[in-house]
Amino acid sequence: MAFYSVLAVTPTSEGWIPDYIGPANRLVAQYGGKYLARTASHSQLEGEESGAALRIVIEWPSREAAEGFMKDANYAPHLAARTEGSNSFHFLTEGKDDLA
């Protein structure tokens, strides 16, 4: 079953970004992930304004793939740089409809 990482990221500094993109791209692909969206072009239609600069959606083949990516030792320094250099919120959502 597919899982989706849904992120809201607002950089507080931009120095980490150039060193982050390449390794993150490779590791996402290594774990079978696929970027569905990485964009600053978004609008909020409902709820309290959250103001995130970037919205990112990644499709994963499984929960294990998503968690493996997040726990990968090669990703650890990049994750640390992103979390230190941004306000980030990351949600992992199972691709199913519990209300059907």
Protein backbone atom coordinates (compact mmCIF):
# COMPACT_ATOMS: atom_id res chain seq x y z
CA MET A 1 0.00 0.00 0.00
CA ALA A 2 1.26 3.48 -0.85
CA PHE A 3 2.12 6.03 1.82
CA TYR A 4 2.53 9.76 1.33
CA SER A 5 4.88 12.18 3.04
CA VAL A 6 3.21 15.58 3.20
CA LEU A 7 5.56 18.36 4.29
CA ALA A 8 5.24 22.05 5.01
CA VAL A 9 8.68 23.70 5.03
CA THR A 10 9.59 27.33 5.63
CA PRO A 11 13.35 27.95 5.44
CA THR A 12 14.75 30.21 8.15
CA SER A 13 18.11 30.19 6.37
CA GLU A 14 19.01 29.03 2.88
CA GLY A 15 22.61 27.85 3.31
CA TRP A 16 21.59 24.20 3.78
CA ILE A 17 19.44 23.99 0.62
CA PRO A 18 22.12 23.51 -2.10
CA ASP A 19 23.76 20.65 -0.16
CA TYR A 20 20.38 19.08 0.65
CA ILE A 21 18.68 18.69 -2.74
CA GLY A 22 21.01 16.21 -4.49
CA PRO A 23 21.44 13.74 -1.61
CA ALA A 24 17.74 13.91 -0.71
CA ASN A 25 16.76 13.24 -4.34
CA ARG A 26 19.04 10.20 -4.52
CA LEU A 27 17.87 8.76 -1.20
CA VAL A 28 14.18 9.28 -1.98
CA ALA A 29 14.70 7.35 -5.23
CA GLN A 30 16.77 4.67 -3.45
CA TYR A 31 13.80 3.97 -1.16
CA GLY A 32 11.33 3.87 -4.06
CA GLY A 33 9.91 7.31 -3.35
CA LYS A 34 8.61 9.67 -5.99
CA TYR A 35 8.15 13.42 -5.62
CA LEU A 36 4.60 14.34 -6.60
CA ALA A 37 4.97 18.02 -5.67
CA ARG A 38 7.76 20.34 -4.48
CA THR A 39 6.51 23.84 -4.87
CA ALA A 40 6.11 27.33 -3.51
CA SER A 41 2.99 27.63 -5.71
CA HIS A 42 0.21 26.72 -3.33
CA SER A 43 -2.71 28.32 -1.57
CA GLN A 44 -4.55 27.50 1.60
CA LEU A 45 -8.27 26.97 1.16
CA GLU A 46 -9.32 26.26 4.72
CA GLY A 47 -8.28 26.58 8.37
CA GLU A 48 -5.94 28.80 10.32
CA GLU A 49 -3.20 30.27 8.15
CA SER A 50 -0.06 28.16 8.38
CA GLY A 51 2.09 30.20 6.00
CA ALA A 52 4.51 27.47 4.85
CA ALA A 53 6.81 28.58 2.05
CA LEU A 54 7.04 25.13 0.42
CA ARG A 55 4.70 22.18 0.13
CA ILE A 56 6.22 18.80 -0.63
CA VAL A 57 4.41 15.52 -1.35
CA ILE A 58 6.34 12.26 -1.75
CA GLU A 59 4.73 8.94 -2.66
CA TRP A 60 6.32 5.86 -1.04
CA PRO A 61 5.70 2.20 -1.88
CA SER A 62 5.32 1.34 1.84
CA ARG A 63 5.58 2.67 5.38
CA GLU A 64 8.88 0.81 5.71
CA ALA A 65 10.32 2.68 2.72
CA ALA A 66 9.35 6.08 4.16
CA GLU A 67 10.68 5.23 7.61
CA GLY A 68 13.84 3.71 6.11
CA PHE A 69 14.52 6.95 4.27
CA MET A 70 14.03 9.02 7.43
CA LYS A 71 16.32 6.72 9.47
CA ASP A 72 19.04 6.33 6.82
CA ALA A 73 22.45 7.28 8.22
CA ASN A 74 23.28 9.02 4.93
CA TYR A 75 20.20 11.23 5.33
CA ALA A 76 20.83 12.11 8.99
CA PRO A 77 23.14 15.12 8.41
CA HIS A 78 20.79 16.51 5.74
CA LEU A 79 17.75 16.05 7.96
CA ALA A 80 19.59 17.85 10.76
CA ALA A 81 20.48 20.71 8.42
CA ARG A 82 16.88 20.99 7.20
CA THR A 83 15.37 20.96 10.67
CA GLU A 84 17.94 23.47 11.95
CA GLY A 85 17.48 25.74 8.92
CA SER A 86 13.70 25.65 8.61
CA ASN A 87 10.37 25.27 10.30
CA SER A 88 9.28 21.87 9.03
CA PHE A 89 6.23 19.70 9.56
CA HIS A 90 6.23 16.17 8.12
CA PHE A 91 3.17 13.93 8.10
CA LEU A 92 3.11 10.33 6.87
CA THR A 93 -0.31 9.42 5.47
CA GLU A 94 -1.48 5.94 4.50
CA GLY A 95 -3.01 5.85 1.01
CA LYS A 96 -6.39 4.45 1.98
CA ASP A 97 -9.92 5.67 2.57
CA ASP A 98 -11.12 4.84 6.08
CA LEU A 99 -14.45 6.56 5.39
CA ALA A 100 -15.46 4.61 2.28
